Amino acid sequence: MTHDELITVARTHTKDIPNLSGEPWANMETLSRVTALDTVAVSFESDQHSQKIMVILERESGKFIVSGLFPRKAM
């Protein structure tokens, strides 16, 4: 997919953020500067646990972007 296509998909995943976060400014009208980064998702998981750790890094530099716990079946 192109960066523009990825941005279109990403926008569909942001529509509930203002309501879920309680931050009414967190919408696509307010946040008009959009950047698509080339990244890699590194997953750490085990059969003994229902969650995994996901770490998102910038692909070329390895710069940390975000990490979190997710259900093993997610992503």
C-alpha atoms as a PDB file:
ATOM      1  CA  MET A   1       0.000   0.000   0.000  1.00  0.00           C
ATOM      2  CA  THR A   2       1.098   3.564  -0.581  1.00  0.00           C
ATOM      3  CA  HIS A   3       1.475   6.021   2.288  1.00  0.00           C
ATOM      4  CA  ASP A   4      -1.706   7.785   1.139  1.00  0.00           C
ATOM      5  CA  GLU A   5      -3.643   4.507   1.205  1.00  0.00           C
ATOM      6  CA  LEU A   6      -2.263   3.711   4.652  1.00  0.00           C
ATOM      7  CA  ILE A   7      -3.262   7.159   5.921  1.00  0.00           C
ATOM      8  CA  THR A   8      -6.814   6.553   4.654  1.00  0.00           C
ATOM      9  CA  VAL A   9      -6.969   3.256   6.569  1.00  0.00           C
ATOM     10  CA  ALA A  10      -5.449   4.844   9.676  1.00  0.00           C
ATOM     11  CA  ARG A  11      -8.114   7.568   9.650  1.00  0.00           C
ATOM     12  CA  THR A  12     -10.838   4.902   9.990  1.00  0.00           C
ATOM     13  CA  HIS A  13      -9.219   3.785  13.255  1.00  0.00           C
ATOM     14  CA  THR A  14      -9.284   7.272  14.798  1.00  0.00           C
ATOM     15  CA  LYS A  15     -12.977   8.168  14.695  1.00  0.00           C
ATOM     16  CA  ASP A  16     -13.753   6.919  18.245  1.00  0.00           C
ATOM     17  CA  ILE A  17     -10.668   8.416  19.902  1.00  0.00           C
ATOM     18  CA  PRO A  18     -12.289  11.755  20.932  1.00  0.00           C
ATOM     19  CA  ASN A  19     -15.138   9.927  22.704  1.00  0.00           C
ATOM     20  CA  LEU A  20     -13.024   7.144  24.213  1.00  0.00           C
ATOM     21  CA  SER A  21     -10.295   9.492  25.448  1.00  0.00           C
ATOM     22  CA  GLY A  22     -12.505  12.365  26.576  1.00  0.00           C
ATOM     23  CA  GLU A  23     -10.343  14.679  24.456  1.00  0.00           C
ATOM     24  CA  PRO A  24     -12.669  16.425  21.964  1.00  0.00           C
ATOM     25  CA  TRP A  25      -9.714  18.033  20.145  1.00  0.00           C
ATOM     26  CA  ALA A  26      -8.314  14.573  19.175  1.00  0.00           C
ATOM     27  CA  ASN A  27      -9.973  14.496  15.752  1.00  0.00           C
ATOM     28  CA  MET A  28      -8.882  14.625  12.134  1.00  0.00           C
ATOM     29  CA  GLU A  29     -10.092  18.200  11.650  1.00  0.00           C
ATOM     30  CA  THR A  30      -7.829  19.496  14.423  1.00  0.00           C
ATOM     31  CA  LEU A  31      -4.894  17.177  13.709  1.00  0.00           C
ATOM     32  CA  SER A  32      -4.398  18.062  10.070  1.00  0.00           C
ATOM     33  CA  ARG A  33      -0.623  17.440   9.781  1.00  0.00           C
ATOM     34  CA  VAL A  34      -0.259  13.749   8.855  1.00  0.00           C
ATOM     35  CA  THR A  35       2.945  11.729   8.537  1.00  0.00           C
ATOM     36  CA  ALA A  36       3.344   8.091   7.505  1.00  0.00           C
ATOM     37  CA  LEU A  37       6.471   6.428   8.899  1.00  0.00           C
ATOM     38  CA  ASP A  38       8.025   3.170   7.751  1.00  0.00           C
ATOM     39  CA  THR A  39       7.978   1.044  10.894  1.00  0.00           C
ATOM     40  CA  VAL A  40       8.342  -2.477  12.166  1.00  0.00           C
ATOM     41  CA  ALA A  41       6.259  -4.156  14.854  1.00  0.00           C
ATOM     42  CA  VAL A  42       8.235  -6.513  17.114  1.00  0.00           C
ATOM     43  CA  SER A  43       6.069  -9.003  19.014  1.00  0.00           C
ATOM     44  CA  PHE A  44       7.027 -10.867  22.214  1.00  0.00           C
ATOM     45  CA  GLU A  45       4.636 -13.635  23.268  1.00  0.00           C
ATOM     46  CA  SER A  46       4.334 -16.975  25.027  1.00  0.00           C
ATOM     47  CA  ASP A  47       1.831 -19.830  24.945  1.00  0.00           C
ATOM     48  CA  GLN A  48       1.492 -19.502  28.745  1.00  0.00           C
ATOM     49  CA  HIS A  49       0.052 -15.973  28.630  1.00  0.00           C
ATOM     50  CA  SER A  50      -2.950 -14.415  26.929  1.00  0.00           C
ATOM     51  CA  GLN A  51      -1.187 -11.139  26.171  1.00  0.00           C
ATOM     52  CA  LYS A  52       1.886 -10.113  24.224  1.00  0.00           C
ATOM     53  CA  ILE A  53       4.165  -7.094  24.200  1.00  0.00           C
ATOM     54  CA  MET A  54       4.322  -5.159  20.945  1.00  0.00           C
ATOM     55  CA  VAL A  55       7.091  -2.621  20.311  1.00  0.00           C
ATOM     56  CA  ILE A  56       6.850  -0.326  17.286  1.00  0.00           C
ATOM     57  CA  LEU A  57      10.156   1.025  15.960  1.00  0.00           C
ATOM     58  CA  GLU A  58      11.077   3.273  13.056  1.00  0.00           C
ATOM     59  CA  ARG A  59      12.365   0.801  10.490  1.00  0.00           C
ATOM     60  CA  GLU A  60      15.541   2.537   9.342  1.00  0.00           C
ATOM     61  CA  SER A  61      16.820   4.065  12.584  1.00  0.00           C
ATOM     62  CA  GLY A  62      15.300   1.735  15.206  1.00  0.00           C
ATOM     63  CA  LYS A  63      13.926   4.818  16.997  1.00  0.00           C
ATOM     64  CA  PHE A  64      11.272   3.868  19.576  1.00  0.00           C
ATOM     65  CA  ILE A  65       7.719   4.934  18.684  1.00  0.00           C
ATOM     66  CA  VAL A  66       5.351   3.109  21.057  1.00  0.00           C
ATOM     67  CA  SER A  67       4.904  -0.134  22.988  1.00  0.00           C
ATOM     68  CA  GLY A  68       2.116  -1.827  24.858  1.00  0.00           C
ATOM     69  CA  LEU A  69       0.368  -4.998  25.973  1.00  0.00           C
ATOM     70  CA  PHE A  70      -2.122  -6.518  23.566  1.00  0.00           C
ATOM     71  CA  PRO A  71      -4.242  -9.656  23.403  1.00  0.00           C
ATOM     72  CA  ARG A  72      -2.215 -12.381  21.677  1.00  0.00           C
ATOM     73  CA  LYS A  73      -4.755 -12.629  18.871  1.00  0.00           C
ATOM     74  CA  ALA A  74      -4.532  -8.908  18.067  1.00  0.00           C
ATOM     75  CA  MET A  75      -2.475  -7.758  15.111  1.00  0.00           C
END
